[in-house]
Amino acid sequence: MVSKARYPLVWAIALGMLFPFVVMLTTALKPPGEVFTLPPRLLPEQWEFGNFRAALEAMPFWRYLGNTLLVSSLCVVGSLVSCPLVAYSLAKLRWPGRNLVLALILGSMMLPPQVTLVPLYLLWNKLGLVGTYFPLIVPSFLGTPFLIFMLRQFLVGVPDALLDAARLDGASEFRVYWRIVLPLARPALATVAVFQFVWTWTDFLNPLIYLSDTSQYTLSVGLYAFFSEHGVDWGPLMAASVMFTLPALIIFLLGQRYFVEGIATQGIK
């Protein structure tokens, strides 16, 4: 049990990490004259909700929101289809080269994305898919190394006797995977979904590189375009940032209990 003496430290760390979001939210509610007052004030004297209306009028927010939801949802589906299959084969099936493949997956996690940026762009360009959503969505259907490794570590804790009993009863390998492994891995799958959604939602580099039509922009690129056009109009800019952050924050808060459940399930042997 965590000592109660550590609670103030935990609260201090939590408040420190929450403070930037609070500043962003309160700045979004300030009129221009109160943004840089001296001494600084956290709460505005006059609440300016018009900044949110100005941000919505300055860019096609709902179109960007729909584009981002489309890409994020499909990437979540792709990860939930591909990553558990690979993780299950690495954790519970014996086949030649399994350890080598696992080592390659771990090695690919150590490569920064900038290393593969140019080759991947040339590949998608040769396929004629630059300017579409395919370069943003297809990689998730091919598996994400970190998510594969995380799921693999979770599935290692599933008792082999349970799977062997199902095989002895005549269940096929896919039936074992579908009817036994996936239900047991629901906390880990929910964690994968949350991770993939937040990563895709906040991704800026890939949409910036592959999308050229402004009607296809995701929120991250649209917010960057808003900043480029409106410069230091801090109130509407922070309002747009709040609207961009809230969906990912809500998804994370809704899924955080699965992190705890996953840790608890790991201890059951």
Protein backbone atom coordinates (compact mmCIF):
# COMPACT_ATOMS: atom_id res chain seq x y z
CA MET A 1 0.00 0.00 0.00
CA VAL A 2 1.29 3.45 -0.88
CA SER A 3 2.20 5.45 2.18
CA LYS A 4 -0.11 8.40 2.85
CA ALA A 5 2.97 10.57 3.14
CA ARG A 6 3.41 10.21 -0.62
CA TYR A 7 -0.05 11.57 -1.47
CA PRO A 8 0.99 15.25 -1.37
CA LEU A 9 3.84 14.47 -3.78
CA VAL A 10 1.47 12.63 -6.12
CA TRP A 11 -0.98 15.55 -6.00
CA ALA A 12 1.82 18.03 -6.67
CA ILE A 13 2.98 16.07 -9.74
CA ALA A 14 -0.61 15.72 -10.99
CA LEU A 15 -1.33 19.43 -10.58
CA GLY A 16 1.95 20.31 -12.26
CA MET A 17 1.00 18.23 -15.31
CA LEU A 18 -2.54 19.64 -15.33
CA PHE A 19 -1.43 23.27 -15.04
CA PRO A 20 -0.61 23.82 -18.78
CA PHE A 21 -4.09 22.63 -19.75
CA VAL A 22 -5.65 24.96 -17.15
CA VAL A 23 -3.64 27.89 -18.54
CA MET A 24 -4.73 27.00 -22.08
CA LEU A 25 -8.39 26.81 -21.01
CA THR A 26 -8.36 30.09 -19.07
CA THR A 27 -6.51 31.89 -21.89
CA ALA A 28 -9.22 30.69 -24.27
CA LEU A 29 -11.73 32.51 -22.04
CA LYS A 30 -9.83 35.81 -21.83
CA PRO A 31 -10.34 38.93 -23.97
CA PRO A 32 -7.19 40.13 -25.83
CA GLY A 33 -6.37 42.78 -23.22
CA GLU A 34 -6.08 40.23 -20.38
CA VAL A 35 -3.83 37.63 -22.02
CA PHE A 36 -0.52 39.27 -21.04
CA THR A 37 -1.45 41.32 -17.99
CA LEU A 38 1.17 42.04 -15.33
CA PRO A 39 1.13 40.55 -12.81
CA PRO A 40 -0.27 37.47 -14.58
CA ARG A 41 -3.74 36.32 -13.59
CA LEU A 42 -4.91 32.77 -14.01
CA LEU A 43 -8.63 33.54 -14.16
CA PRO A 44 -10.03 36.24 -16.45
CA GLU A 45 -11.86 39.25 -15.03
CA GLN A 46 -14.19 39.20 -18.00
CA TRP A 47 -15.13 35.82 -19.48
CA GLU A 48 -14.90 35.84 -23.27
CA PHE A 49 -16.72 32.83 -24.75
CA GLY A 50 -16.65 34.46 -28.16
CA ASN A 51 -13.15 33.08 -28.72
CA PHE A 52 -14.64 29.65 -29.37
CA ARG A 53 -17.08 31.08 -31.92
CA ALA A 54 -14.24 32.99 -33.59
CA ALA A 55 -12.15 29.80 -33.82
CA LEU A 56 -15.06 27.88 -35.36
CA GLU A 57 -15.66 30.65 -37.90
CA ALA A 58 -11.98 31.03 -38.81
CA MET A 59 -11.51 27.41 -39.96
CA PRO A 60 -13.73 24.50 -41.08
CA PHE A 61 -13.50 22.91 -37.66
CA TRP A 62 -16.24 20.32 -38.14
CA ARG A 63 -14.77 19.10 -41.40
CA TYR A 64 -11.34 18.73 -39.77
CA LEU A 65 -12.99 16.99 -36.82
CA GLY A 66 -14.71 14.51 -39.14
CA ASN A 67 -11.47 13.84 -41.01
CA THR A 68 -9.60 13.23 -37.76
CA LEU A 69 -12.30 10.93 -36.39
CA LEU A 70 -12.28 8.95 -39.63
CA VAL A 71 -8.52 8.45 -39.66
CA SER A 72 -8.29 7.78 -35.91
CA SER A 73 -11.15 5.26 -35.93
CA LEU A 74 -9.76 3.31 -38.87
CA CYS A 75 -6.30 3.25 -37.28
CA VAL A 76 -7.81 1.87 -34.06
CA VAL A 77 -9.59 -0.84 -36.06
CA GLY A 78 -6.35 -1.64 -37.89
CA SER A 79 -4.38 -2.01 -34.67
CA LEU A 80 -7.05 -4.16 -33.05
CA VAL A 81 -7.03 -6.47 -36.09
CA SER A 82 -3.28 -6.79 -36.69
CA CYS A 83 -1.50 -6.37 -33.36
CA PRO A 84 -3.29 -9.15 -31.38
CA LEU A 85 -2.68 -11.67 -34.16
CA VAL A 86 1.05 -11.00 -34.23
CA ALA A 87 1.29 -10.82 -30.44
CA TYR A 88 -0.53 -14.15 -30.06
CA SER A 89 1.81 -15.88 -32.50
CA LEU A 90 4.83 -14.50 -30.68
CA ALA A 91 3.52 -15.40 -27.22
CA LYS A 92 1.77 -18.75 -27.64
CA LEU A 93 2.79 -20.40 -30.91
CA ARG A 94 6.10 -22.11 -31.60
CA TRP A 95 7.48 -21.60 -35.10
CA PRO A 96 10.97 -21.25 -36.59
CA GLY A 97 12.36 -17.74 -36.38
CA ARG A 98 9.93 -16.55 -33.72
CA ASN A 99 12.63 -15.09 -31.49
CA LEU A 100 14.31 -13.43 -34.47
CA VAL A 101 11.06 -11.74 -35.48
CA LEU A 102 10.55 -10.56 -31.90
CA ALA A 103 14.09 -9.15 -31.88
CA LEU A 104 13.41 -7.32 -35.16
CA ILE A 105 10.21 -5.85 -33.73
CA LEU A 106 12.08 -4.65 -30.65
CA GLY A 107 14.83 -3.25 -32.87
CA SER A 108 12.34 -1.33 -34.99
CA MET A 109 11.04 0.34 -31.82
CA MET A 110 14.45 1.92 -31.37
CA LEU A 111 14.42 3.60 -34.79
CA PRO A 112 13.18 7.20 -34.70
CA PRO A 113 10.43 7.82 -37.29
CA GLN A 114 12.61 10.39 -39.05
CA VAL A 115 14.92 7.57 -40.20
CA THR A 116 12.21 5.91 -42.28
CA LEU A 117 10.43 9.11 -43.28
CA VAL A 118 12.02 9.59 -46.71
CA PRO A 119 11.91 5.91 -47.83
CA LEU A 120 8.27 5.63 -46.79
CA TYR A 121 7.35 8.83 -48.60
CA LEU A 122 9.06 7.60 -51.77
CA LEU A 123 7.18 4.30 -51.45
CA TRP A 124 3.77 5.93 -51.11
CA ASN A 125 4.63 8.38 -53.88
CA LYS A 126 5.53 5.50 -56.23
CA LEU A 127 2.17 3.89 -55.40
CA GLY A 128 0.43 7.17 -56.21
CA LEU A 129 -1.15 7.40 -52.77
CA VAL A 130 0.38 10.69 -51.56
CA GLY A 131 -2.47 13.11 -51.05
CA THR A 132 -4.79 10.39 -49.72
CA TYR A 133 -5.49 8.93 -46.29
CA PHE A 134 -3.93 5.57 -47.16
CA PRO A 135 -0.41 6.43 -45.86
CA LEU A 136 -1.99 7.40 -42.53
CA ILE A 137 -4.27 4.36 -42.16
CA VAL A 138 -2.61 1.36 -43.83
CA PRO A 139 0.43 1.15 -41.46
CA SER A 140 -1.87 0.44 -38.50
CA PHE A 141 -3.28 -2.60 -40.34
CA LEU A 142 0.29 -3.91 -40.64
CA GLY A 143 0.97 -3.71 -36.90
CA THR A 144 2.63 -1.22 -34.56
CA PRO A 145 5.81 -2.56 -32.87
CA PHE A 146 5.16 -1.07 -29.43
CA LEU A 147 1.55 -2.27 -29.32
CA ILE A 148 2.56 -5.73 -30.54
CA PHE A 149 5.19 -5.99 -27.82
CA MET A 150 2.80 -4.74 -25.14
CA LEU A 151 0.14 -7.27 -26.14
CA ARG A 152 2.73 -10.02 -26.38
CA GLN A 153 3.83 -9.36 -22.80
CA PHE A 154 0.21 -9.49 -21.68
CA LEU A 155 -0.52 -12.76 -23.49
CA VAL A 156 2.56 -14.44 -22.04
CA GLY A 157 0.70 -14.34 -18.72
CA VAL A 158 -2.29 -16.31 -20.08
CA PRO A 159 -2.02 -19.89 -18.77
CA ASP A 160 -0.96 -22.38 -21.45
CA ALA A 161 -3.04 -25.10 -19.74
CA LEU A 162 -6.21 -23.18 -20.55
CA LEU A 163 -5.34 -23.07 -24.26
CA ASP A 164 -4.20 -26.70 -24.32
CA ALA A 165 -7.49 -27.81 -22.78
CA ALA A 166 -9.40 -26.05 -25.55
CA ARG A 167 -7.21 -27.69 -28.19
CA LEU A 168 -7.81 -31.12 -26.63
CA ASP A 169 -11.55 -30.47 -26.87
CA GLY A 170 -11.13 -30.04 -30.63
CA ALA A 171 -10.98 -26.27 -30.90
CA SER A 172 -9.04 -24.94 -33.89
CA GLU A 173 -6.19 -22.51 -33.34
CA PHE A 174 -8.27 -19.61 -34.60
CA ARG A 175 -11.17 -20.61 -32.32
CA VAL A 176 -8.78 -20.68 -29.36
CA TYR A 177 -7.58 -17.22 -30.33
CA TRP A 178 -11.06 -15.80 -30.96
CA ARG A 179 -13.07 -17.38 -28.14
CA ILE A 180 -10.49 -17.59 -25.35
CA VAL A 181 -7.49 -15.34 -25.89
CA LEU A 182 -9.25 -12.20 -27.10
CA PRO A 183 -11.86 -12.13 -24.27
CA LEU A 184 -9.08 -12.56 -21.71
CA ALA A 185 -7.10 -9.77 -23.38
CA ARG A 186 -9.91 -7.19 -23.33
CA PRO A 187 -8.13 -4.86 -20.88
CA ALA A 188 -5.00 -4.93 -23.02
CA LEU A 189 -7.03 -4.45 -26.22
CA ALA A 190 -8.75 -1.43 -24.70
CA THR A 191 -5.35 -0.03 -23.79
CA VAL A 192 -4.19 -0.57 -27.38
CA ALA A 193 -7.27 1.25 -28.66
CA VAL A 194 -6.67 4.21 -26.35
CA PHE A 195 -2.99 4.44 -27.26
CA GLN A 196 -3.65 4.22 -31.00
CA PHE A 197 -6.48 6.75 -30.88
CA VAL A 198 -4.47 9.32 -28.94
CA TRP A 199 -1.40 8.82 -31.15
CA THR A 200 -3.38 9.23 -34.35
CA TRP A 201 -5.46 12.11 -33.02
CA THR A 202 -2.39 14.11 -32.04
CA ASP A 203 -0.23 13.10 -35.02
CA PHE A 204 1.00 16.16 -36.87
CA LEU A 205 4.00 15.11 -38.96
CA ASN A 206 2.37 12.43 -41.12
CA PRO A 207 -0.76 14.42 -42.09
CA LEU A 208 1.45 17.43 -42.80
CA ILE A 209 3.61 15.39 -45.20
CA TYR A 210 1.00 13.28 -46.96
CA LEU A 211 -2.04 15.58 -47.17
CA SER A 212 -2.00 18.47 -49.63
CA ASP A 213 -5.71 19.26 -50.06
CA THR A 214 -6.97 21.55 -47.29
CA SER A 215 -10.33 19.75 -47.32
CA GLN A 216 -8.52 16.59 -46.15
CA TYR A 217 -6.69 18.21 -43.23
CA THR A 218 -6.89 16.68 -39.79
CA LEU A 219 -7.30 18.88 -36.74
CA SER A 220 -3.59 19.00 -35.94
CA VAL A 221 -2.69 20.35 -39.39
CA GLY A 222 -5.76 22.58 -39.43
CA LEU A 223 -4.72 24.06 -36.11
CA TYR A 224 -1.25 24.73 -37.50
CA ALA A 225 -2.79 26.45 -40.54
CA PHE A 226 -4.97 28.50 -38.16
CA PHE A 227 -1.88 29.59 -36.24
CA SER A 228 -0.09 30.52 -39.48
CA GLU A 229 -3.01 32.64 -40.66
CA HIS A 230 -3.94 34.30 -37.37
CA GLY A 231 -0.53 34.61 -35.72
CA VAL A 232 -0.75 35.83 -32.17
CA ASP A 233 -4.52 35.96 -31.84
CA TRP A 234 -4.10 34.02 -28.61
CA GLY A 235 -7.69 33.80 -27.43
CA PRO A 236 -9.15 32.03 -30.50
CA LEU A 237 -5.93 30.04 -30.89
CA MET A 238 -6.19 28.65 -27.37
CA ALA A 239 -9.91 28.05 -27.89
CA ALA A 240 -9.11 25.97 -30.98
CA SER A 241 -6.42 24.13 -28.99
CA VAL A 242 -8.91 23.30 -26.23
CA MET A 243 -11.38 21.88 -28.76
CA PHE A 244 -8.55 19.87 -30.30
CA THR A 245 -7.38 18.46 -26.96
CA LEU A 246 -10.72 17.61 -25.35
CA PRO A 247 -11.67 14.52 -27.45
CA ALA A 248 -8.31 12.81 -26.85
CA LEU A 249 -8.48 13.73 -23.16
CA ILE A 250 -12.00 12.32 -22.82
CA ILE A 251 -11.03 9.06 -24.56
CA PHE A 252 -8.03 8.71 -22.26
CA LEU A 253 -10.09 9.36 -19.12
CA LEU A 254 -12.74 6.85 -20.22
CA GLY A 255 -10.11 4.21 -20.89
CA GLN A 256 -7.84 4.75 -17.90
CA ARG A 257 -9.60 2.12 -15.77
CA TYR A 258 -8.49 -0.52 -18.27
CA PHE A 259 -4.86 0.27 -17.45
CA VAL A 260 -5.50 -0.64 -13.81
CA GLU A 261 -7.53 -3.70 -14.81
CA GLY A 262 -4.74 -4.85 -17.11
CA ILE A 263 -2.17 -4.59 -14.34
CA ALA A 264 -4.44 -6.52 -11.99
CA THR A 265 -5.07 -9.23 -14.57
CA GLN A 266 -1.33 -9.67 -15.08
CA GLY A 267 -1.07 -10.88 -11.51
CA ILE A 268 -3.56 -13.73 -12.04
CA LYS A 269 -1.78 -16.98 -12.99
